PDB file of N, CA and C in Angstrom:
ATOM      1  N   MET A   1       0.880  -1.277   0.119  1.00  0.00           N
ATOM      2  CA  MET A   1       0.209  -0.243  -0.270  1.00  0.00           C
ATOM      3  C   MET A   1       0.769   1.360   0.110  1.00  0.00           C
ATOM      4  N   ALA A   2       0.848   1.990  -1.047  1.00  0.00           N
ATOM      5  CA  ALA A   2       1.669   3.143  -1.252  1.00  0.00           C
ATOM      6  C   ALA A   2       0.985   4.313  -0.680  1.00  0.00           C
ATOM      7  N   SER A   3       2.048   5.563   0.077  1.00  0.00           N
ATOM      8  CA  SER A   3       1.241   6.575   0.794  1.00  0.00           C
ATOM      9  C   SER A   3       1.404   7.963  -0.431  1.00  0.00           C
ATOM     10  N   SER A   4       2.054   7.790  -1.398  1.00  0.00           N
ATOM     11  CA  SER A   4       2.120   9.051  -2.227  1.00  0.00           C
ATOM     12  C   SER A   4       2.461   8.640  -3.921  1.00  0.00           C
ATOM     13  N   GLN A   5       1.570   7.791  -4.441  1.00  0.00           N
ATOM     14  CA  GLN A   5       1.689   7.271  -5.361  1.00  0.00           C
ATOM     15  C   GLN A   5       0.855   8.234  -6.502  1.00  0.00           C
ATOM     16  N   LEU A   6       0.357   9.545  -5.919  1.00  0.00           N
ATOM     17  CA  LEU A   6      -0.691  10.321  -6.678  1.00  0.00           C
ATOM     18  C   LEU A   6       0.230  11.618  -7.296  1.00  0.00           C
ATOM     19  N   ASP A   7      -0.371  12.064  -8.644  1.00  0.00           N
ATOM     20  CA  ASP A   7       0.454  13.573  -8.770  1.00  0.00           C
ATOM     21  C   ASP A   7       0.094  14.525  -8.198  1.00  0.00           C
ATOM     22  N   GLY A   8       0.465  15.972  -8.371  1.00  0.00           N
ATOM     23  CA  GLY A   8       0.182  16.853  -7.397  1.00  0.00           C
ATOM     24  C   GLY A   8      -1.481  17.189  -7.902  1.00  0.00           C
ATOM     25  N   SER A   9      -1.858  17.035  -9.131  1.00  0.00           N
ATOM     26  CA  SER A   9      -3.110  17.277  -9.280  1.00  0.00           C
ATOM     27  C   SER A   9      -4.239  16.474  -8.442  1.00  0.00           C
ATOM     28  N   TRP A  10      -4.186  15.154  -8.333  1.00  0.00           N
ATOM     29  CA  TRP A  10      -5.025  14.393  -7.594  1.00  0.00           C
ATOM     30  C   TRP A  10      -4.992  14.961  -6.131  1.00  0.00           C
ATOM     31  N   ASN A  11      -3.500  14.797  -5.596  1.00  0.00           N
ATOM     32  CA  ASN A  11      -3.516  15.408  -4.325  1.00  0.00           C
ATOM     33  C   ASN A  11      -4.493  17.020  -4.203  1.00  0.00           C
ATOM     34  N   ARG A  12      -4.316  17.831  -5.075  1.00  0.00           N
ATOM     35  CA  ARG A  12      -4.980  19.293  -4.848  1.00  0.00           C
ATOM     36  C   ARG A  12      -6.704  19.096  -4.767  1.00  0.00           C
ATOM     37  N   LYS A  13      -6.999  18.242  -5.780  1.00  0.00           N
ATOM     38  CA  LYS A  13      -8.507  17.806  -6.122  1.00  0.00           C
ATOM     39  C   LYS A  13      -8.974  17.066  -4.864  1.00  0.00           C
ATOM     40  N   LEU A  14      -8.045  16.002  -4.242  1.00  0.00           N
ATOM     41  CA  LEU A  14      -9.177  15.472  -3.267  1.00  0.00           C
ATOM     42  C   LEU A  14      -8.557  16.572  -1.940  1.00  0.00           C
ATOM     43  N   LYS A  15      -7.460  17.005  -1.639  1.00  0.00           N
ATOM     44  CA  LYS A  15      -7.861  18.111  -0.301  1.00  0.00           C
ATOM     45  C   LYS A  15      -8.770  18.941  -0.278  1.00  0.00           C
ATOM     46  N   SER A  16      -9.008  19.642  -1.705  1.00  0.00           N
ATOM     47  CA  SER A  16      -9.971  20.569  -2.012  1.00  0.00           C
ATOM     48  C   SER A  16     -11.287  20.216  -2.013  1.00  0.00           C
ATOM     49  N   GLY A  17     -11.479  18.642  -1.833  1.00  0.00           N
ATOM     50  CA  GLY A  17     -12.849  18.220  -2.189  1.00  0.00           C
ATOM     51  C   GLY A  17     -13.538  18.042  -3.184  1.00  0.00           C
ATOM     52  N   GLN A  18     -12.734  18.485  -4.350  1.00  0.00           N
ATOM     53  CA  GLN A  18     -13.516  18.628  -5.768  1.00  0.00           C
ATOM     54  C   GLN A  18     -13.542  17.165  -6.333  1.00  0.00           C
ATOM     55  N   ILE A  19     -13.041  15.926  -6.041  1.00  0.00           N
ATOM     56  CA  ILE A  19     -13.391  14.851  -6.098  1.00  0.00           C
ATOM     57  C   ILE A  19     -14.316  14.035  -5.647  1.00  0.00           C
ATOM     58  N   ALA A  20     -15.464  13.873  -6.190  1.00  0.00           N
ATOM     59  CA  ALA A  20     -16.690  12.866  -5.302  1.00  0.00           C
ATOM     60  C   ALA A  20     -16.288  11.429  -5.303  1.00  0.00           C
ATOM     61  N   PRO A  21     -16.309  10.663  -4.283  1.00  0.00           N
ATOM     62  CA  PRO A  21     -16.112   9.462  -4.083  1.00  0.00           C
ATOM     63  C   PRO A  21     -16.741   8.192  -4.782  1.00  0.00           C
ATOM     64  N   ASP A  22     -16.551   7.546  -5.303  1.00  0.00           N
ATOM     65  CA  ASP A  22     -17.178   6.865  -6.306  1.00  0.00           C
ATOM     66  C   ASP A  22     -18.008   5.725  -5.365  1.00  0.00           C
ATOM     67  N   TYR A  23     -17.460   5.382  -4.119  1.00  0.00           N
ATOM     68  CA  TYR A  23     -18.022   4.127  -3.051  1.00  0.00           C
ATOM     69  C   TYR A  23     -17.923   4.750  -1.970  1.00  0.00           C
ATOM     70  N   THR A  24     -19.242   4.337  -1.255  1.00  0.00           N
ATOM     71  CA  THR A  24     -18.808   4.882   0.457  1.00  0.00           C
ATOM     72  C   THR A  24     -19.019   3.577   1.027  1.00  0.00           C
ATOM     73  N   LEU A  25     -17.710   3.546   2.351  1.00  0.00           N
ATOM     74  CA  LEU A  25     -17.955   2.293   3.154  1.00  0.00           C
ATOM     75  C   LEU A  25     -18.100   2.998   4.246  1.00  0.00           C
ATOM     76  N   ASP A  26     -19.465   3.125   5.662  1.00  0.00           N
ATOM     77  CA  ASP A  26     -19.367   3.751   6.778  1.00  0.00           C
ATOM     78  C   ASP A  26     -19.411   2.314   7.782  1.00  0.00           C
ATOM     79  N   LEU A  27     -18.174   2.449   8.677  1.00  0.00           N
ATOM     80  CA  LEU A  27     -18.045   1.560   9.272  1.00  0.00           C
ATOM     81  C   LEU A  27     -18.706   2.131  10.803  1.00  0.00           C
ATOM     82  N   HIS A  28     -19.265   2.773  11.150  1.00  0.00           N
ATOM     83  CA  HIS A  28     -19.895   3.482  12.587  1.00  0.00           C
ATOM     84  C   HIS A  28     -21.052   2.247  13.010  1.00  0.00           C
ATOM     85  N   GLY A  29     -20.798   2.131  14.025  1.00  0.00           N
ATOM     86  CA  GLY A  29     -21.791   1.272  14.676  1.00  0.00           C
ATOM     87  C   GLY A  29     -21.259  -0.454  14.532  1.00  0.00           C
ATOM     88  N   HIS A  30     -20.066  -0.798  13.922  1.00  0.00           N
ATOM     89  CA  HIS A  30     -19.570  -2.248  13.760  1.00  0.00           C
ATOM     90  C   HIS A  30     -18.622  -2.338  14.744  1.00  0.00           C
ATOM     91  N   ASN A  31     -18.568  -3.480  15.648  1.00  0.00           N
ATOM     92  CA  ASN A  31     -17.286  -4.084  15.848  1.00  0.00           C
ATOM     93  C   ASN A  31     -16.222  -4.409  15.174  1.00  0.00           C
ATOM     94  N   LEU A  32     -15.169  -4.777  15.958  1.00  0.00           N
ATOM     95  CA  LEU A  32     -14.006  -4.659  15.026  1.00  0.00           C
ATOM     96  C   LEU A  32     -13.796  -6.117  13.985  1.00  0.00           C
ATOM     97  N   ASP A  33     -14.529  -6.962  14.412  1.00  0.00           N
ATOM     98  CA  ASP A  33     -14.862  -8.115  13.422  1.00  0.00           C
ATOM     99  C   ASP A  33     -15.354  -7.855  12.372  1.00  0.00           C
ATOM    100  N   ARG A  34     -16.871  -7.103  12.423  1.00  0.00           N
ATOM    101  CA  ARG A  34     -17.509  -6.768  11.641  1.00  0.00           C
ATOM    102  C   ARG A  34     -17.195  -5.710  10.814  1.00  0.00           C
ATOM    103  N   ALA A  35     -16.265  -4.874  11.303  1.00  0.00           N
ATOM    104  CA  ALA A  35     -15.619  -3.506  10.552  1.00  0.00           C
ATOM    105  C   ALA A  35     -14.610  -4.159   9.653  1.00  0.00           C
ATOM    106  N   TYR A  36     -14.076  -5.220  10.248  1.00  0.00           N
ATOM    107  CA  TYR A  36     -12.987  -5.863   9.391  1.00  0.00           C
ATOM    108  C   TYR A  36     -13.449  -6.418   7.900  1.00  0.00           C
ATOM    109  N   ASP A  37     -14.610  -7.222   8.457  1.00  0.00           N
ATOM    110  CA  ASP A  37     -15.207  -7.539   6.879  1.00  0.00           C
ATOM    111  C   ASP A  37     -15.944  -6.862   6.254  1.00  0.00           C
ATOM    112  N   ARG A  38     -16.415  -5.794   6.782  1.00  0.00           N
ATOM    113  CA  ARG A  38     -17.232  -4.891   6.114  1.00  0.00           C
ATOM    114  C   ARG A  38     -16.209  -4.171   4.864  1.00  0.00           C
ATOM    115  N   ILE A  39     -15.146  -3.798   5.645  1.00  0.00           N
ATOM    116  CA  ILE A  39     -13.964  -3.067   4.600  1.00  0.00           C
ATOM    117  C   ILE A  39     -13.417  -3.963   3.733  1.00  0.00           C
ATOM    118  N   MET A  40     -12.972  -5.339   4.159  1.00  0.00           N
ATOM    119  CA  MET A  40     -12.951  -6.295   2.870  1.00  0.00           C
ATOM    120  C   MET A  40     -13.730  -6.654   1.826  1.00  0.00           C
ATOM    121  N   SER A  41     -15.397  -6.834   2.174  1.00  0.00           N
ATOM    122  CA  SER A  41     -16.100  -7.287   1.290  1.00  0.00           C
ATOM    123  C   SER A  41     -16.686  -5.793   0.367  1.00  0.00           C
ATOM    124  N   GLY A  42     -16.326  -4.510   1.054  1.00  0.00           N
ATOM    125  CA  GLY A  42     -16.864  -3.317   0.551  1.00  0.00           C
ATOM    126  C   GLY A  42     -15.843  -3.051  -0.395  1.00  0.00           C
ATOM    127  N   LEU A  43     -14.596  -3.660  -0.433  1.00  0.00           N
ATOM    128  CA  LEU A  43     -13.461  -3.024  -0.998  1.00  0.00           C
ATOM    129  C   LEU A  43     -13.536  -4.190  -2.283  1.00  0.00           C
ATOM    130  N   ASP A  44     -13.647  -5.207  -2.121  1.00  0.00           N
ATOM    131  CA  ASP A  44     -14.020  -6.380  -3.145  1.00  0.00           C
ATOM    132  C   ASP A  44     -15.075  -5.631  -4.225  1.00  0.00           C
ATOM    133  N   GLN A  45     -16.223  -5.423  -3.458  1.00  0.00           N
ATOM    134  CA  GLN A  45     -17.500  -4.546  -4.263  1.00  0.00           C
ATOM    135  C   GLN A  45     -16.633  -3.484  -5.086  1.00  0.00           C
ATOM    136  N   ALA A  46     -16.139  -2.380  -4.510  1.00  0.00           N
ATOM    137  CA  ALA A  46     -15.661  -1.537  -4.967  1.00  0.00           C
ATOM    138  C   ALA A  46     -14.552  -1.598  -6.202  1.00  0.00           C
ATOM    139  N   ARG A  47     -13.924  -2.611  -6.151  1.00  0.00           N
ATOM    140  CA  ARG A  47     -12.891  -3.114  -7.284  1.00  0.00           C
ATOM    141  C   ARG A  47     -13.579  -3.463  -8.312  1.00  0.00           C
ATOM    142  N   MET A  48     -14.791  -4.347  -8.133  1.00  0.00           N
ATOM    143  CA  MET A  48     -15.358  -5.052  -8.895  1.00  0.00           C
ATOM    144  C   MET A  48     -16.176  -3.796 -10.111  1.00  0.00           C
ATOM    145  N   MET A  49     -16.727  -2.906  -9.333  1.00  0.00           N
ATOM    146  CA  MET A  49     -17.270  -1.942  -9.860  1.00  0.00           C
ATOM    147  C   MET A  49     -16.274  -1.077 -10.856  1.00  0.00           C
ATOM    148  N   GLY A  50     -15.055  -0.920 -10.647  1.00  0.00           N
ATOM    149  CA  GLY A  50     -14.070  -0.022 -10.972  1.00  0.00           C
ATOM    150  C   GLY A  50     -13.925   1.140 -10.434  1.00  0.00           C
ATOM    151  N   ALA A  51     -14.362   1.187  -9.045  1.00  0.00           N
ATOM    152  CA  ALA A  51     -13.975   2.591  -8.444  1.00  0.00           C
ATOM    153  C   ALA A  51     -12.656   2.689  -8.165  1.00  0.00           C
ATOM    154  N   ARG A  52     -12.783   4.185  -8.240  1.00  0.00           N
ATOM    155  CA  ARG A  52     -11.132   4.618  -7.996  1.00  0.00           C
ATOM    156  C   ARG A  52     -11.030   5.385  -6.983  1.00  0.00           C
ATOM    157  N   VAL A  53     -12.101   5.949  -6.094  1.00  0.00           N
ATOM    158  CA  VAL A  53     -11.874   6.548  -4.734  1.00  0.00           C
ATOM    159  C   VAL A  53     -12.915   5.972  -3.998  1.00  0.00           C
ATOM    160  N   VAL A  54     -12.640   5.541  -2.959  1.00  0.00           N
ATOM    161  CA  VAL A  54     -13.500   4.875  -1.954  1.00  0.00           C
ATOM    162  C   VAL A  54     -13.582   5.753  -0.515  1.00  0.00           C
ATOM    163  N   LEU A  55     -14.346   6.326  -0.218  1.00  0.00           N
ATOM    164  CA  LEU A  55     -14.530   6.864   0.902  1.00  0.00           C
ATOM    165  C   LEU A  55     -14.694   5.884   2.256  1.00  0.00           C
ATOM    166  N   VAL A  56     -13.819   5.776   3.085  1.00  0.00           N
ATOM    167  CA  VAL A  56     -14.238   5.162   4.480  1.00  0.00           C
ATOM    168  C   VAL A  56     -14.696   6.055   5.483  1.00  0.00           C
ATOM    169  N   VAL A  57     -15.376   5.797   6.081  1.00  0.00           N
ATOM    170  CA  VAL A  57     -15.888   6.933   7.104  1.00  0.00           C
ATOM    171  C   VAL A  57     -15.782   5.694   8.674  1.00  0.00           C
ATOM    172  N   ALA A  58     -14.708   6.326   9.397  1.00  0.00           N
ATOM    173  CA  ALA A  58     -14.537   5.266  10.250  1.00  0.00           C
ATOM    174  C   ALA A  58     -14.479   5.907  11.780  1.00  0.00           C
ATOM    175  N   GLY A  59     -14.748   7.026  11.749  1.00  0.00           N
ATOM    176  CA  GLY A  59     -14.477   8.137  13.232  1.00  0.00           C
ATOM    177  C   GLY A  59     -13.129   8.487  13.097  1.00  0.00           C
ATOM    178  N   ARG A  60     -13.334   9.466  14.034  1.00  0.00           N
ATOM    179  CA  ARG A  60     -11.820  10.332  14.440  1.00  0.00           C
ATOM    180  C   ARG A  60     -10.797   9.457  14.602  1.00  0.00           C
ATOM    181  N   GLU A  61      -9.494   9.801  14.525  1.00  0.00           N
ATOM    182  CA  GLU A  61      -8.380   9.204  15.349  1.00  0.00           C
ATOM    183  C   GLU A  61      -8.528   9.585  16.803  1.00  0.00           C
ATOM    184  N   ARG A  62      -8.511   8.753  17.683  1.00  0.00           N
ATOM    185  CA  ARG A  62      -8.580   8.700  19.109  1.00  0.00           C
ATOM    186  C   ARG A  62      -7.031   8.356  19.575  1.00  0.00           C
ATOM    187  N   PRO A  63      -6.683   8.566  21.203  1.00  0.00           N
ATOM    188  CA  PRO A  63      -5.462   7.702  21.769  1.00  0.00           C
ATOM    189  C   PRO A  63      -6.432   6.413  21.998  1.00  0.00           C
ATOM    190  N   VAL A  64      -5.429   5.433  21.418  1.00  0.00           N
ATOM    191  CA  VAL A  64      -6.330   4.083  22.281  1.00  0.00           C
ATOM    192  C   VAL A  64      -4.909   3.219  22.600  1.00  0.00           C
ATOM    193  N   ASP A  65      -5.427   2.783  23.906  1.00  0.00           N
ATOM    194  CA  ASP A  65      -4.007   2.010  24.455  1.00  0.00           C
ATOM    195  C   ASP A  65      -4.401   0.542  23.486  1.00  0.00           C
ATOM    196  N   PRO A  66      -3.131  -0.080  22.976  1.00  0.00           N
ATOM    197  CA  PRO A  66      -3.238  -1.388  22.188  1.00  0.00           C
ATOM    198  C   PRO A  66      -3.955  -2.362  23.059  1.00  0.00           C
ATOM    199  N   ALA A  67      -4.508  -2.447  24.240  1.00  0.00           N
ATOM    200  CA  ALA A  67      -4.699  -3.370  25.181  1.00  0.00           C
ATOM    201  C   ALA A  67      -6.295  -3.315  25.202  1.00  0.00           C
ATOM    202  N   ASP A  68      -6.656  -1.979  24.736  1.00  0.00           N
ATOM    203  CA  ASP A  68      -7.930  -1.911  24.729  1.00  0.00           C
ATOM    204  C   ASP A  68      -8.780  -1.637  23.248  1.00  0.00           C
ATOM    205  N   ARG A  69      -7.968  -1.739  22.575  1.00  0.00           N
ATOM    206  CA  ARG A  69      -8.966  -1.565  21.125  1.00  0.00           C
ATOM    207  C   ARG A  69      -9.775  -2.548  20.626  1.00  0.00           C
ATOM    208  N   ALA A  70     -10.255  -3.449  21.272  1.00  0.00           N
ATOM    209  CA  ALA A  70     -11.273  -4.083  20.996  1.00  0.00           C
ATOM    210  C   ALA A  70     -12.509  -3.316  21.354  1.00  0.00           C
ATOM    211  N   SER A  71     -12.672  -2.604  22.091  1.00  0.00           N
ATOM    212  CA  SER A  71     -13.855  -1.940  22.855  1.00  0.00           C
ATOM    213  C   SER A  71     -13.911  -0.682  22.906  1.00  0.00           C
ATOM    214  N   LYS A  72     -12.950   0.338  22.881  1.00  0.00           N
ATOM    215  CA  LYS A  72     -13.010   1.634  23.094  1.00  0.00           C
ATOM    216  C   LYS A  72     -13.114   2.426  21.954  1.00  0.00           C
ATOM    217  N   ARG A  73     -13.694   3.884  21.731  1.00  0.00           N
ATOM    218  CA  ARG A  73     -14.096   4.569  20.902  1.00  0.00           C
ATOM    219  C   ARG A  73     -12.727   4.663  20.174  1.00  0.00           C
ATOM    220  N   GLY A  74     -12.818   4.677  18.686  1.00  0.00           N
ATOM    221  CA  GLY A  74     -11.511   4.975  18.014  1.00  0.00           C
ATOM    222  C   GLY A  74     -10.681   3.721  17.769  1.00  0.00           C
ATOM    223  N   ALA A  75     -11.086   2.312  18.209  1.00  0.00           N
ATOM    224  CA  ALA A  75     -10.365   1.417  18.049  1.00  0.00           C
ATOM    225  C   ALA A  75     -10.487   0.808  16.142  1.00  0.00           C
ATOM    226  N   ILE A  76     -11.692   1.186  15.424  1.00  0.00           N
ATOM    227  CA  ILE A  76     -11.776   0.565  14.171  1.00  0.00           C
ATOM    228  C   ILE A  76     -10.596   1.585  13.356  1.00  0.00           C
ATOM    229  N   ARG A  77     -10.499   2.880  13.459  1.00  0.00           N
ATOM    230  CA  ARG A  77      -9.613   3.931  13.275  1.00  0.00           C
ATOM    231  C   ARG A  77      -8.466   3.540  13.372  1.00  0.00           C
ATOM    232  N   ALA A  78      -7.985   3.165  14.833  1.00  0.00           N
ATOM    233  CA  ALA A  78      -6.608   2.742  14.980  1.00  0.00           C
ATOM    234  C   ALA A  78      -6.314   1.499  14.263  1.00  0.00           C
ATOM    235  N   LYS A  79      -6.889   0.572  14.100  1.00  0.00           N
ATOM    236  CA  LYS A  79      -6.716  -0.699  13.079  1.00  0.00           C
ATOM    237  C   LYS A  79      -6.588  -0.628  11.668  1.00  0.00           C
ATOM    238  N   LEU A  80      -7.253   0.304  11.107  1.00  0.00           N
ATOM    239  CA  LEU A  80      -8.011   0.450   9.831  1.00  0.00           C
ATOM    240  C   LEU A  80      -6.652   0.053   8.561  1.00  0.00           C
ATOM    241  N   LEU A  81      -5.615   1.035   9.224  1.00  0.00           N
ATOM    242  CA  LEU A  81      -4.273   1.115   8.285  1.00  0.00           C
ATOM    243  C   LEU A  81      -3.817   0.232   8.331  1.00  0.00           C
ATOM    244  N   ASP A  82      -3.407  -0.630   9.255  1.00  0.00           N
ATOM    245  CA  ASP A  82      -3.079  -1.908   9.335  1.00  0.00           C
ATOM    246  C   ASP A  82      -3.591  -3.011   8.806  1.00  0.00           C
ATOM    247  N   TRP A  83      -4.746  -2.855   8.598  1.00  0.00           N
ATOM    248  CA  TRP A  83      -5.682  -3.804   8.095  1.00  0.00           C
ATOM    249  C   TRP A  83      -5.369  -3.834   6.469  1.00  0.00           C
ATOM    250  N   LEU A  84      -5.235  -2.612   6.150  1.00  0.00           N
ATOM    251  CA  LEU A  84      -5.273  -2.552   4.764  1.00  0.00           C
ATOM    252  C   LEU A  84      -4.038  -3.067   4.348  1.00  0.00           C
ATOM    253  N   ALA A  85      -3.111  -2.593   5.086  1.00  0.00           N
ATOM    254  CA  ALA A  85      -1.643  -2.883   4.809  1.00  0.00           C
ATOM    255  C   ALA A  85      -1.499  -4.195   4.248  1.00  0.00           C
ATOM    256  N   VAL A  86      -2.150  -5.089   5.275  1.00  0.00           N
ATOM    257  CA  VAL A  86      -1.656  -6.389   5.118  1.00  0.00           C
ATOM    258  C   VAL A  86      -2.743  -7.433   4.258  1.00  0.00           C
ATOM    259  N   SER A  87      -3.475  -6.429   3.764  1.00  0.00           N
ATOM    260  CA  SER A  87      -5.247  -7.163   3.391  1.00  0.00           C
ATOM    261  C   SER A  87      -4.540  -7.757   1.893  1.00  0.00           C
ATOM    262  N   ARG A  88      -5.496  -8.340   1.152  1.00  0.00           N
ATOM    263  CA  ARG A  88      -5.594  -8.880  -0.115  1.00  0.00           C
ATOM    264  C   ARG A  88      -5.535  -7.463  -0.993  1.00  0.00           C
ATOM    265  N   HIS A  89      -5.958  -6.531  -0.674  1.00  0.00           N
ATOM    266  CA  HIS A  89      -6.502  -5.150  -1.344  1.00  0.00           C
ATOM    267  C   HIS A  89      -5.215  -4.169  -1.473  1.00  0.00           C
ATOM    268  N   ALA A  90      -4.097  -4.455  -0.582  1.00  0.00           N
ATOM    269  CA  ALA A  90      -2.821  -3.546  -0.163  1.00  0.00           C
ATOM    270  C   ALA A  90      -2.069  -3.083  -1.680  1.00  0.00           C
ATOM    271  N   GLU A  91      -2.116  -3.954  -2.529  1.00  0.00           N
ATOM    272  CA  GLU A  91      -1.277  -3.862  -3.619  1.00  0.00           C
ATOM    273  C   GLU A  91      -2.137  -2.906  -4.858  1.00  0.00           C
ATOM    274  N   ALA A  92      -3.585  -3.090  -4.700  1.00  0.00           N
ATOM    275  CA  ALA A  92      -4.630  -1.759  -5.654  1.00  0.00           C
ATOM    276  C   ALA A  92      -4.789  -0.632  -5.182  1.00  0.00           C
ATOM    277  N   ILE A  93      -4.283  -0.302  -3.606  1.00  0.00           N
ATOM    278  CA  ILE A  93      -4.466   1.028  -3.260  1.00  0.00           C
ATOM    279  C   ILE A  93      -3.421   1.742  -3.594  1.00  0.00           C
ATOM    280  N   ALA A  94      -3.544   3.138  -4.073  1.00  0.00           N
ATOM    281  CA  ALA A  94      -2.279   3.998  -4.848  1.00  0.00           C
ATOM    282  C   ALA A  94      -2.356   4.771  -3.357  1.00  0.00           C
ATOM    283  N   ALA A  95      -2.919   5.157  -3.012  1.00  0.00           N
ATOM    284  CA  ALA A  95      -2.703   6.459  -2.148  1.00  0.00           C
ATOM    285  C   ALA A  95      -4.384   6.411  -0.546  1.00  0.00           C
ATOM    286  N   VAL A  96      -3.934   6.876   0.316  1.00  0.00           N
ATOM    287  CA  VAL A  96      -4.795   6.744   1.533  1.00  0.00           C
ATOM    288  C   VAL A  96      -4.360   8.565   1.740  1.00  0.00           C
ATOM    289  N   ARG A  97      -5.614   9.216   1.760  1.00  0.00           N
ATOM    290  CA  ARG A  97      -5.694  10.436   2.232  1.00  0.00           C
ATOM    291  C   ARG A  97      -6.906  10.657   3.212  1.00  0.00           C
ATOM    292  N   ARG A  98      -6.675  11.790   3.962  1.00  0.00           N
ATOM    293  CA  ARG A  98      -7.734  12.332   4.998  1.00  0.00           C
ATOM    294  C   ARG A  98      -8.959  12.835   4.001  1.00  0.00           C
ATOM    295  N   ALA A  99     -10.036  12.659   4.232  1.00  0.00           N
ATOM    296  CA  ALA A  99     -10.935  13.284   3.491  1.00  0.00           C
ATOM    297  C   ALA A  99     -11.323  14.474   3.595  1.00  0.00           C
ATOM    298  N   HIS A 100     -11.738  15.265   2.771  1.00  0.00           N
ATOM    299  CA  HIS A 100     -12.239  16.882   2.733  1.00  0.00           C
ATOM    300  C   HIS A 100     -13.577  16.758   3.774  1.00  0.00           C
ATOM    301  N   ILE A 101     -13.611  18.041   4.511  1.00  0.00           N
ATOM    302  CA  ILE A 101     -14.638  17.856   5.518  1.00  0.00           C
ATOM    303  C   ILE A 101     -16.402  18.003   4.764  1.00  0.00           C
ATOM    304  N   ARG A 102     -16.245  17.712   3.592  1.00  0.00           N
ATOM    305  CA  ARG A 102     -17.714  17.629   2.860  1.00  0.00           C
ATOM    306  C   ARG A 102     -17.770  16.383   3.031  1.00  0.00           C
ATOM    307  N   HIS A 103     -16.930  15.568   3.219  1.00  0.00           N
ATOM    308  CA  HIS A 103     -17.028  13.772   2.676  1.00  0.00           C
ATOM    309  C   HIS A 103     -16.571  13.386   4.325  1.00  0.00           C
ATOM    310  N   GLY A 104     -16.269  14.269   5.472  1.00  0.00           N
ATOM    311  CA  GLY A 104     -16.144  13.630   6.666  1.00  0.00           C
ATOM    312  C   GLY A 104     -15.240  14.121   7.500  1.00  0.00           C
ATOM    313  N   GLY A 105     -14.158  14.898   6.674  1.00  0.00           N
ATOM    314  CA  GLY A 105     -12.961  15.616   7.289  1.00  0.00           C
ATOM    315  C   GLY A 105     -12.157  14.457   8.004  1.00  0.00           C
ATOM    316  N   GLU A 106     -11.850  14.724   9.415  1.00  0.00           N
ATOM    317  CA  GLU A 106     -10.938  13.666  10.070  1.00  0.00           C
ATOM    318  C   GLU A 106     -11.530  12.682  10.367  1.00  0.00           C
ATOM    319  N   GLY A 107     -12.680  12.142  10.161  1.00  0.00           N
ATOM    320  CA  GLY A 107     -13.489  11.135  10.511  1.00  0.00           C
ATOM    321  C   GLY A 107     -13.654  10.092   9.222  1.00  0.00           C
ATOM    322  N   ALA A 108     -13.064  10.642   8.548  1.00  0.00           N
ATOM    323  CA  ALA A 108     -13.359   9.723   7.110  1.00  0.00           C
ATOM    324  C   ALA A 108     -11.708   9.832   6.282  1.00  0.00           C
ATOM    325  N   LEU A 109     -11.643   8.617   5.573  1.00  0.00           N
ATOM    326  CA  LEU A 109     -10.376   8.521   4.872  1.00  0.00           C
ATOM    327  C   LEU A 109     -10.858   8.118   3.090  1.00  0.00           C
ATOM    328  N   TYR A 110     -10.019   8.958   2.232  1.00  0.00           N
ATOM    329  CA  TYR A 110     -10.418   8.493   0.947  1.00  0.00           C
ATOM    330  C   TYR A 110      -9.086   7.636   0.609  1.00  0.00           C
ATOM    331  N   LEU A 111      -9.327   6.195   0.248  1.00  0.00           N
ATOM    332  CA  LEU A 111      -9.127   5.246  -0.658  1.00  0.00           C
ATOM    333  C   LEU A 111      -8.722   5.199  -2.042  1.00  0.00           C
ATOM    334  N   VAL A 112      -7.583   5.676  -2.237  1.00  0.00           N
ATOM    335  CA  VAL A 112      -7.405   5.872  -3.945  1.00  0.00           C
ATOM    336  C   VAL A 112      -6.833   4.628  -4.445  1.00  0.00           C
ATOM    337  N   LEU A 113      -7.687   3.861  -5.318  1.00  0.00           N
ATOM    338  CA  LEU A 113      -7.499   2.444  -5.925  1.00  0.00           C
ATOM    339  C   LEU A 113      -6.703   2.746  -7.287  1.00  0.00           C
ATOM    340  N   LYS A 114      -5.975   1.942  -7.519  1.00  0.00           N
ATOM    341  CA  LYS A 114      -5.159   2.009  -8.993  1.00  0.00           C
ATOM    342  C   LYS A 114      -5.903   1.704  -9.775  1.00  0.00           C
ATOM    343  N   ARG A 115      -5.749   1.951 -11.177  1.00  0.00           N
ATOM    344  CA  ARG A 115      -6.530   1.539 -11.973  1.00  0.00           C
ATOM    345  C   ARG A 115      -6.465  -0.103 -12.444  1.00  0.00           C
ATOM    346  N   PRO A 116      -7.177  -0.823 -12.876  1.00  0.00           N
ATOM    347  CA  PRO A 116      -7.216  -2.477 -12.650  1.00  0.00           C
ATOM    348  C   PRO A 116      -6.354  -2.577 -13.903  1.00  0.00           C
ATOM    349  N   ASP A 117      -5.506  -3.775 -14.037  1.00  0.00           N
ATOM    350  CA  ASP A 117      -4.579  -3.842 -15.126  1.00  0.00           C
ATOM    351  C   ASP A 117      -5.300  -4.091 -16.365  1.00  0.00           C
TER     352      ASP A 117
END
């Protein structure tokens, strides 16, 4: 999973909120197991649809003690990047960026997917 495989134009458009997500995954209300399953199946679906920008609504980052990640607020957000990095989707993700305020701001991320081969 790369953090900077976007050109300046993509970065500017994402930062200004000019790019609308092709697919949205809202993980609110899920426990860790359900959130993991939802993100993996949702990315399967987004990739099959040919989506380029996936909006993942996972809540704001919060300090989370590693021992308490299963139940505290912020647990999904704390795990999300780790899940993506080791998932079957890792190689398909060109970049991860914080969402524009109109798409959730600090509580959401854009996953920019590579073009299918």
